[in-house]
Amino acid sequence: MWCDAIISNVYFVLFFERKILRKIYGPTQNPDGTWRIKTNDEMRQRMKQDDIIKFIKSQRLRWVAHVMRMENTRTTKKNNGMEAI
């Protein structure tokens, strides 16, 4: 089913985002001197912005709004089937 594929892609993208952010922020040193990777909660607290999925969805909505404002003669609007109502 296509819904399962979309959900698995979302999880993969979120997993990949956390993996990259862990490399960027690096490990955390415990008080006893040992090192460990940051937890998902620590990553969310460090990030001041939404996750990548929310960002992608907001950018898609911005693009759709941009296309909706285009003239009906534009190729992009014709190809996406967004003629005026």
PDB file of N, CA and C in Angstrom:
ATOM      1  N   MET A   1       0.832  -1.183   0.000  1.00  0.00           N
ATOM      2  CA  MET A   1       0.000   0.000   0.000  1.00  0.00           C
ATOM      3  C   MET A   1       0.876   1.245   0.000  1.00  0.00           C
ATOM      4  N   TRP A   2       0.394   2.285  -0.691  1.00  0.00           N
ATOM      5  CA  TRP A   2       1.191   3.504  -0.796  1.00  0.00           C
ATOM      6  C   TRP A   2       1.294   4.223   0.533  1.00  0.00           C
ATOM      7  N   CYS A   3       0.284   4.079   1.394  1.00  0.00           N
ATOM      8  CA  CYS A   3       0.310   4.753   2.699  1.00  0.00           C
ATOM      9  C   CYS A   3       1.448   4.203   3.557  1.00  0.00           C
ATOM     10  N   ASP A   4       1.633   2.897   3.537  1.00  0.00           N
ATOM     11  CA  ASP A   4       2.726   2.281   4.298  1.00  0.00           C
ATOM     12  C   ASP A   4       4.081   2.748   3.787  1.00  0.00           C
ATOM     13  N   ALA A   5       4.183   2.917   2.481  1.00  0.00           N
ATOM     14  CA  ALA A   5       5.444   3.384   1.899  1.00  0.00           C
ATOM     15  C   ALA A   5       5.746   4.807   2.341  1.00  0.00           C
ATOM     16  N   ILE A   6       4.738   5.654   2.375  1.00  0.00           N
ATOM     17  CA  ILE A   6       4.941   7.043   2.806  1.00  0.00           C
ATOM     18  C   ILE A   6       5.356   7.090   4.268  1.00  0.00           C
ATOM     19  N   ILE A   7       4.692   6.310   5.106  1.00  0.00           N
ATOM     20  CA  ILE A   7       5.020   6.298   6.536  1.00  0.00           C
ATOM     21  C   ILE A   7       6.440   5.793   6.750  1.00  0.00           C
ATOM     22  N   SER A   8       6.832   4.747   6.027  1.00  0.00           N
ATOM     23  CA  SER A   8       8.197   4.239   6.201  1.00  0.00           C
ATOM     24  C   SER A   8       9.217   5.255   5.701  1.00  0.00           C
ATOM     25  N   ASN A   9       8.889   6.005   4.646  1.00  0.00           N
ATOM     26  CA  ASN A   9       9.795   7.056   4.174  1.00  0.00           C
ATOM     27  C   ASN A   9       9.925   8.176   5.205  1.00  0.00           C
ATOM     28  N   VAL A  10       8.833   8.533   5.857  1.00  0.00           N
ATOM     29  CA  VAL A  10       8.875   9.574   6.893  1.00  0.00           C
ATOM     30  C   VAL A  10       9.781   9.138   8.029  1.00  0.00           C
ATOM     31  N   TYR A  11       9.623   7.888   8.484  1.00  0.00           N
ATOM     32  CA  TYR A  11      10.479   7.392   9.558  1.00  0.00           C
ATOM     33  C   TYR A  11      11.942   7.361   9.132  1.00  0.00           C
ATOM     34  N   PHE A  12      12.199   6.982   7.898  1.00  0.00           N
ATOM     35  CA  PHE A  12      13.575   6.938   7.417  1.00  0.00           C
ATOM     36  C   PHE A  12      14.183   8.340   7.389  1.00  0.00           C
ATOM     37  N   VAL A  13      13.416   9.330   6.918  1.00  0.00           N
ATOM     38  CA  VAL A  13      13.931  10.701   6.849  1.00  0.00           C
ATOM     39  C   VAL A  13      14.198  11.233   8.255  1.00  0.00           C
ATOM     40  N   LEU A  14      13.298  10.975   9.199  1.00  0.00           N
ATOM     41  CA  LEU A  14      13.527  11.419  10.583  1.00  0.00           C
ATOM     42  C   LEU A  14      14.742  10.720  11.190  1.00  0.00           C
ATOM     43  N   PHE A  15      14.891   9.435  10.916  1.00  0.00           N
ATOM     44  CA  PHE A  15      16.055   8.686  11.389  1.00  0.00           C
ATOM     45  C   PHE A  15      17.339   9.285  10.825  1.00  0.00           C
ATOM     46  N   PHE A  16      17.323   9.563   9.520  1.00  0.00           N
ATOM     47  CA  PHE A  16      18.507  10.116   8.872  1.00  0.00           C
ATOM     48  C   PHE A  16      18.843  11.503   9.423  1.00  0.00           C
ATOM     49  N   GLU A  17      17.805  12.315   9.681  1.00  0.00           N
ATOM     50  CA  GLU A  17      18.038  13.648  10.246  1.00  0.00           C
ATOM     51  C   GLU A  17      18.713  13.539  11.607  1.00  0.00           C
ATOM     52  N   ARG A  18      18.207  12.663  12.477  1.00  0.00           N
ATOM     53  CA  ARG A  18      18.819  12.506  13.801  1.00  0.00           C
ATOM     54  C   ARG A  18      20.253  11.985  13.696  1.00  0.00           C
ATOM     55  N   LYS A  19      20.493  11.090  12.750  1.00  0.00           N
ATOM     56  CA  LYS A  19      21.836  10.544  12.557  1.00  0.00           C
ATOM     57  C   LYS A  19      22.822  11.650  12.186  1.00  0.00           C
ATOM     58  N   ILE A  20      22.430  12.514  11.264  1.00  0.00           N
ATOM     59  CA  ILE A  20      23.297  13.621  10.844  1.00  0.00           C
ATOM     60  C   ILE A  20      23.504  14.609  11.987  1.00  0.00           C
ATOM     61  N   LEU A  21      22.426  14.933  12.711  1.00  0.00           N
ATOM     62  CA  LEU A  21      22.549  15.884  13.818  1.00  0.00           C
ATOM     63  C   LEU A  21      23.434  15.337  14.933  1.00  0.00           C
ATOM     64  N   ARG A  22      23.369  14.036  15.160  1.00  0.00           N
ATOM     65  CA  ARG A  22      24.253  13.444  16.180  1.00  0.00           C
ATOM     66  C   ARG A  22      25.714  13.595  15.783  1.00  0.00           C
ATOM     67  N   LYS A  23      26.007  13.471  14.489  1.00  0.00           N
ATOM     68  CA  LYS A  23      27.384  13.661  14.035  1.00  0.00           C
ATOM     69  C   LYS A  23      27.802  15.121  14.179  1.00  0.00           C
ATOM     70  N   ILE A  24      26.874  16.035  13.900  1.00  0.00           N
ATOM     71  CA  ILE A  24      27.193  17.463  13.997  1.00  0.00           C
ATOM     72  C   ILE A  24      27.427  17.870  15.447  1.00  0.00           C
ATOM     73  N   TYR A  25      26.494  17.484  16.343  1.00  0.00           N
ATOM     74  CA  TYR A  25      26.597  17.897  17.748  1.00  0.00           C
ATOM     75  C   TYR A  25      27.601  17.083  18.536  1.00  0.00           C
ATOM     76  N   GLY A  26      27.890  15.876  18.098  1.00  0.00           N
ATOM     77  CA  GLY A  26      28.890  15.061  18.770  1.00  0.00           C
ATOM     78  C   GLY A  26      28.363  14.394  20.024  1.00  0.00           C
ATOM     79  N   PRO A  27      29.214  13.596  20.682  1.00  0.00           N
ATOM     80  CA  PRO A  27      28.791  12.870  21.886  1.00  0.00           C
ATOM     81  C   PRO A  27      28.734  13.784  23.110  1.00  0.00           C
ATOM     82  N   THR A  28      28.150  13.239  24.163  1.00  0.00           N
ATOM     83  CA  THR A  28      28.032  13.948  25.439  1.00  0.00           C
ATOM     84  C   THR A  28      28.927  13.253  26.456  1.00  0.00           C
ATOM     85  N   GLN A  29      29.635  14.050  27.241  1.00  0.00           N
ATOM     86  CA  GLN A  29      30.486  13.470  28.270  1.00  0.00           C
ATOM     87  C   GLN A  29      29.730  13.443  29.588  1.00  0.00           C
ATOM     88  N   ASN A  30      29.652  12.254  30.175  1.00  0.00           N
ATOM     89  CA  ASN A  30      29.005  12.094  31.477  1.00  0.00           C
ATOM     90  C   ASN A  30      29.904  12.655  32.574  1.00  0.00           C
ATOM     91  N   PRO A  31      29.330  12.926  33.761  1.00  0.00           N
ATOM     92  CA  PRO A  31      30.161  13.421  34.878  1.00  0.00           C
ATOM     93  C   PRO A  31      31.292  12.486  35.276  1.00  0.00           C
ATOM     94  N   ASP A  32      31.122  11.169  35.041  1.00  0.00           N
ATOM     95  CA  ASP A  32      32.185  10.227  35.400  1.00  0.00           C
ATOM     96  C   ASP A  32      33.271  10.115  34.334  1.00  0.00           C
ATOM     97  N   GLY A  33      33.143  10.901  33.232  1.00  0.00           N
ATOM     98  CA  GLY A  33      34.171  10.929  32.211  1.00  0.00           C
ATOM     99  C   GLY A  33      33.908  10.032  31.011  1.00  0.00           C
ATOM    100  N   THR A  34      32.871   9.222  31.055  1.00  0.00           N
ATOM    101  CA  THR A  34      32.548   8.366  29.912  1.00  0.00           C
ATOM    102  C   THR A  34      31.765   9.157  28.872  1.00  0.00           C
ATOM    103  N   TRP A  35      31.818   8.680  27.639  1.00  0.00           N
ATOM    104  CA  TRP A  35      31.121   9.346  26.548  1.00  0.00           C
ATOM    105  C   TRP A  35      29.921   8.523  26.107  1.00  0.00           C
ATOM    106  N   ARG A  36      28.879   9.202  25.640  1.00  0.00           N
ATOM    107  CA  ARG A  36      27.693   8.527  25.134  1.00  0.00           C
ATOM    108  C   ARG A  36      27.075   9.389  24.031  1.00  0.00           C
ATOM    109  N   ILE A  37      26.225   8.748  23.203  1.00  0.00           N
ATOM    110  CA  ILE A  37      25.540   9.525  22.174  1.00  0.00           C
ATOM    111  C   ILE A  37      24.339  10.222  22.804  1.00  0.00           C
ATOM    112  N   LYS A  38      23.907  11.290  22.173  1.00  0.00           N
ATOM    113  CA  LYS A  38      22.755  12.033  22.676  1.00  0.00           C
ATOM    114  C   LYS A  38      21.467  11.258  22.399  1.00  0.00           C
ATOM    115  N   THR A  39      20.514  11.357  23.321  1.00  0.00           N
ATOM    116  CA  THR A  39      19.222  10.706  23.129  1.00  0.00           C
ATOM    117  C   THR A  39      18.356  11.558  22.199  1.00  0.00           C
ATOM    118  N   ASN A  40      17.253  10.966  21.736  1.00  0.00           N
ATOM    119  CA  ASN A  40      16.336  11.703  20.875  1.00  0.00           C
ATOM    120  C   ASN A  40      15.769  12.924  21.585  1.00  0.00           C
ATOM    121  N   ASP A  41      15.471  12.790  22.876  1.00  0.00           N
ATOM    122  CA  ASP A  41      14.952  13.935  23.641  1.00  0.00           C
ATOM    123  C   ASP A  41      15.984  15.053  23.724  1.00  0.00           C
ATOM    124  N   GLU A  42      17.244  14.701  23.949  1.00  0.00           N
ATOM    125  CA  GLU A  42      18.300  15.721  23.978  1.00  0.00           C
ATOM    126  C   GLU A  42      18.435  16.411  22.625  1.00  0.00           C
ATOM    127  N   MET A  43      18.269  15.653  21.555  1.00  0.00           N
ATOM    128  CA  MET A  43      18.359  16.243  20.213  1.00  0.00           C
ATOM    129  C   MET A  43      17.215  17.221  19.972  1.00  0.00           C
ATOM    130  N   ARG A  44      16.006  16.839  20.392  1.00  0.00           N
ATOM    131  CA  ARG A  44      14.848  17.726  20.219  1.00  0.00           C
ATOM    132  C   ARG A  44      15.013  19.006  21.020  1.00  0.00           C
ATOM    133  N   GLN A  45      15.582  18.901  22.229  1.00  0.00           N
ATOM    134  CA  GLN A  45      15.792  20.088  23.062  1.00  0.00           C
ATOM    135  C   GLN A  45      16.837  21.021  22.449  1.00  0.00           C
ATOM    136  N   ARG A  46      17.841  20.465  21.814  1.00  0.00           N
ATOM    137  CA  ARG A  46      18.899  21.279  21.210  1.00  0.00           C
ATOM    138  C   ARG A  46      18.426  22.007  19.972  1.00  0.00           C
ATOM    139  N   MET A  47      17.531  21.359  19.237  1.00  0.00           N
ATOM    140  CA  MET A  47      17.040  21.971  18.001  1.00  0.00           C
ATOM    141  C   MET A  47      15.992  23.017  18.339  1.00  0.00           C
ATOM    142  N   LYS A  48      16.152  24.173  17.762  1.00  0.00           N
ATOM    143  CA  LYS A  48      15.228  25.261  18.027  1.00  0.00           C
ATOM    144  C   LYS A  48      14.154  25.346  16.941  1.00  0.00           C
ATOM    145  N   GLN A  49      14.199  24.451  15.963  1.00  0.00           N
ATOM    146  CA  GLN A  49      13.258  24.503  14.856  1.00  0.00           C
ATOM    147  C   GLN A  49      12.531  23.170  14.723  1.00  0.00           C
ATOM    148  N   ASP A  50      11.531  23.146  13.845  1.00  0.00           N
ATOM    149  CA  ASP A  50      10.766  21.927  13.614  1.00  0.00           C
ATOM    150  C   ASP A  50      11.633  20.871  12.943  1.00  0.00           C
ATOM    151  N   ASP A  51      11.153  19.639  12.980  1.00  0.00           N
ATOM    152  CA  ASP A  51      11.901  18.578  12.315  1.00  0.00           C
ATOM    153  C   ASP A  51      11.794  18.729  10.794  1.00  0.00           C
ATOM    154  N   ILE A  52      12.541  17.935  10.090  1.00  0.00           N
ATOM    155  CA  ILE A  52      12.664  18.060   8.639  1.00  0.00           C
ATOM    156  C   ILE A  52      11.348  17.783   7.924  1.00  0.00           C
ATOM    157  N   ILE A  53      10.514  16.902   8.459  1.00  0.00           N
ATOM    158  CA  ILE A  53       9.238  16.576   7.824  1.00  0.00           C
ATOM    159  C   ILE A  53       8.317  17.791   7.844  1.00  0.00           C
ATOM    160  N   LYS A  54       8.221  18.464   8.968  1.00  0.00           N
ATOM    161  CA  LYS A  54       7.390  19.675   9.047  1.00  0.00           C
ATOM    162  C   LYS A  54       7.922  20.753   8.111  1.00  0.00           C
ATOM    163  N   PHE A  55       9.239  20.867   8.015  1.00  0.00           N
ATOM    164  CA  PHE A  55       9.830  21.851   7.119  1.00  0.00           C
ATOM    165  C   PHE A  55       9.492  21.549   5.660  1.00  0.00           C
ATOM    166  N   ILE A  56       9.609  20.279   5.264  1.00  0.00           N
ATOM    167  CA  ILE A  56       9.307  19.887   3.887  1.00  0.00           C
ATOM    168  C   ILE A  56       7.842  20.153   3.565  1.00  0.00           C
ATOM    169  N   LYS A  57       6.947  19.798   4.482  1.00  0.00           N
ATOM    170  CA  LYS A  57       5.517  20.027   4.248  1.00  0.00           C
ATOM    171  C   LYS A  57       5.209  21.512   4.122  1.00  0.00           C
ATOM    172  N   SER A  58       5.827  22.337   4.943  1.00  0.00           N
ATOM    173  CA  SER A  58       5.568  23.778   4.853  1.00  0.00           C
ATOM    174  C   SER A  58       6.097  24.348   3.536  1.00  0.00           C
ATOM    175  N   GLN A  59       7.237  23.844   3.068  1.00  0.00           N
ATOM    176  CA  GLN A  59       7.777  24.311   1.790  1.00  0.00           C
ATOM    177  C   GLN A  59       6.892  23.880   0.629  1.00  0.00           C
ATOM    178  N   ARG A  60       6.326  22.678   0.705  1.00  0.00           N
ATOM    179  CA  ARG A  60       5.400  22.221  -0.334  1.00  0.00           C
ATOM    180  C   ARG A  60       4.159  23.102  -0.376  1.00  0.00           C
ATOM    181  N   LEU A  61       3.634  23.466   0.790  1.00  0.00           N
ATOM    182  CA  LEU A  61       2.468  24.344   0.828  1.00  0.00           C
ATOM    183  C   LEU A  61       2.791  25.718   0.256  1.00  0.00           C
ATOM    184  N   ARG A  62       3.968  26.232   0.544  1.00  0.00           N
ATOM    185  CA  ARG A  62       4.384  27.520  -0.029  1.00  0.00           C
ATOM    186  C   ARG A  62       4.449  27.428  -1.545  1.00  0.00           C
ATOM    187  N   TRP A  63       4.971  26.304  -2.062  1.00  0.00           N
ATOM    188  CA  TRP A  63       5.090  26.142  -3.511  1.00  0.00           C
ATOM    189  C   TRP A  63       3.710  26.045  -4.153  1.00  0.00           C
ATOM    190  N   VAL A  64       2.793  25.299  -3.534  1.00  0.00           N
ATOM    191  CA  VAL A  64       1.438  25.173  -4.077  1.00  0.00           C
ATOM    192  C   VAL A  64       0.760  26.542  -4.104  1.00  0.00           C
ATOM    193  N   ALA A  65       0.919  27.318  -3.052  1.00  0.00           N
ATOM    194  CA  ALA A  65       0.332  28.656  -3.033  1.00  0.00           C
ATOM    195  C   ALA A  65       0.933  29.521  -4.139  1.00  0.00           C
ATOM    196  N   HIS A  66       2.214  29.376  -4.375  1.00  0.00           N
ATOM    197  CA  HIS A  66       2.883  30.122  -5.441  1.00  0.00           C
ATOM    198  C   HIS A  66       2.311  29.733  -6.806  1.00  0.00           C
ATOM    199  N   VAL A  67       2.133  28.443  -7.047  1.00  0.00           N
ATOM    200  CA  VAL A  67       1.596  27.967  -8.316  1.00  0.00           C
ATOM    201  C   VAL A  67       0.146  28.419  -8.482  1.00  0.00           C
ATOM    202  N   MET A  68      -0.622  28.410  -7.405  1.00  0.00           N
ATOM    203  CA  MET A  68      -2.023  28.837  -7.490  1.00  0.00           C
ATOM    204  C   MET A  68      -2.144  30.304  -7.903  1.00  0.00           C
ATOM    205  N   ARG A  69      -1.169  31.128  -7.532  1.00  0.00           N
ATOM    206  CA  ARG A  69      -1.203  32.547  -7.892  1.00  0.00           C
ATOM    207  C   ARG A  69      -0.755  32.809  -9.326  1.00  0.00           C
ATOM    208  N   MET A  70      -0.153  31.799  -9.976  1.00  0.00           N
ATOM    209  CA  MET A  70       0.327  31.972 -11.348  1.00  0.00           C
ATOM    210  C   MET A  70      -0.842  32.133 -12.322  1.00  0.00           C
ATOM    211  N   GLU A  71      -0.528  32.683 -13.481  1.00  0.00           N
ATOM    212  CA  GLU A  71      -1.519  32.765 -14.547  1.00  0.00           C
ATOM    213  C   GLU A  71      -1.808  31.358 -15.067  1.00  0.00           C
ATOM    214  N   ASN A  72      -3.015  31.164 -15.600  1.00  0.00           N
ATOM    215  CA  ASN A  72      -3.409  29.838 -16.081  1.00  0.00           C
ATOM    216  C   ASN A  72      -2.632  29.400 -17.313  1.00  0.00           C
ATOM    217  N   THR A  73      -1.959  30.317 -17.974  1.00  0.00           N
ATOM    218  CA  THR A  73      -1.218  29.978 -19.183  1.00  0.00           C
ATOM    219  C   THR A  73       0.171  29.419 -18.891  1.00  0.00           C
ATOM    220  N   ARG A  74       0.610  29.488 -17.648  1.00  0.00           N
ATOM    221  CA  ARG A  74       1.947  29.008 -17.291  1.00  0.00           C
ATOM    222  C   ARG A  74       2.025  27.489 -17.362  1.00  0.00           C
ATOM    223  N   THR A  75       3.134  26.982 -17.877  1.00  0.00           N
ATOM    224  CA  THR A  75       3.323  25.546 -18.071  1.00  0.00           C
ATOM    225  C   THR A  75       3.272  24.790 -16.751  1.00  0.00           C
ATOM    226  N   THR A  76       3.870  25.327 -15.717  1.00  0.00           N
ATOM    227  CA  THR A  76       3.889  24.654 -14.423  1.00  0.00           C
ATOM    228  C   THR A  76       2.479  24.436 -13.911  1.00  0.00           C
ATOM    229  N   LYS A  77       1.647  25.430 -14.058  1.00  0.00           N
ATOM    230  CA  LYS A  77       0.277  25.320 -13.574  1.00  0.00           C
ATOM    231  C   LYS A  77      -0.517  24.323 -14.417  1.00  0.00           C
ATOM    232  N   LYS A  78      -0.286  24.312 -15.718  1.00  0.00           N
ATOM    233  CA  LYS A  78      -0.978  23.362 -16.596  1.00  0.00           C
ATOM    234  C   LYS A  78      -0.552  21.925 -16.290  1.00  0.00           C
ATOM    235  N   ASN A  79       0.728  21.706 -16.100  1.00  0.00           N
ATOM    236  CA  ASN A  79       1.254  20.357 -15.865  1.00  0.00           C
ATOM    237  C   ASN A  79       0.776  19.763 -14.555  1.00  0.00           C
ATOM    238  N   ASN A  80       0.516  20.605 -13.561  1.00  0.00           N
ATOM    239  CA  ASN A  80       0.080  20.112 -12.255  1.00  0.00           C
ATOM    240  C   ASN A  80      -1.429  20.103 -12.112  1.00  0.00           C
ATOM    241  N   GLY A  81      -2.157  20.457 -13.159  1.00  0.00           N
ATOM    242  CA  GLY A  81      -3.615  20.411 -13.140  1.00  0.00           C
ATOM    243  C   GLY A  81      -4.233  21.354 -12.147  1.00  0.00           C
ATOM    244  N   MET A  82      -3.702  22.553 -12.044  1.00  0.00           N
ATOM    245  CA  MET A  82      -4.207  23.522 -11.062  1.00  0.00           C
ATOM    246  C   MET A  82      -4.883  24.706 -11.747  1.00  0.00           C
ATOM    247  N   GLU A  83      -5.762  24.424 -12.703  1.00  0.00           N
ATOM    248  CA  GLU A  83      -6.463  25.520 -13.350  1.00  0.00           C
ATOM    249  C   GLU A  83      -7.381  26.210 -12.346  1.00  0.00           C
ATOM    250  N   ALA A  84      -7.678  27.462 -12.626  1.00  0.00           N
ATOM    251  CA  ALA A  84      -8.537  28.247 -11.729  1.00  0.00           C
ATOM    252  C   ALA A  84      -9.941  27.648 -11.682  1.00  0.00           C
ATOM    253  N   ILE A  85     -10.568  27.787 -10.551  1.00  0.00           N
ATOM    254  CA  ILE A  85     -11.926  27.254 -10.366  1.00  0.00           C
ATOM    255  C   ILE A  85     -12.941  28.243 -10.902  1.00  0.00           C
TER     256      ILE A  85
END
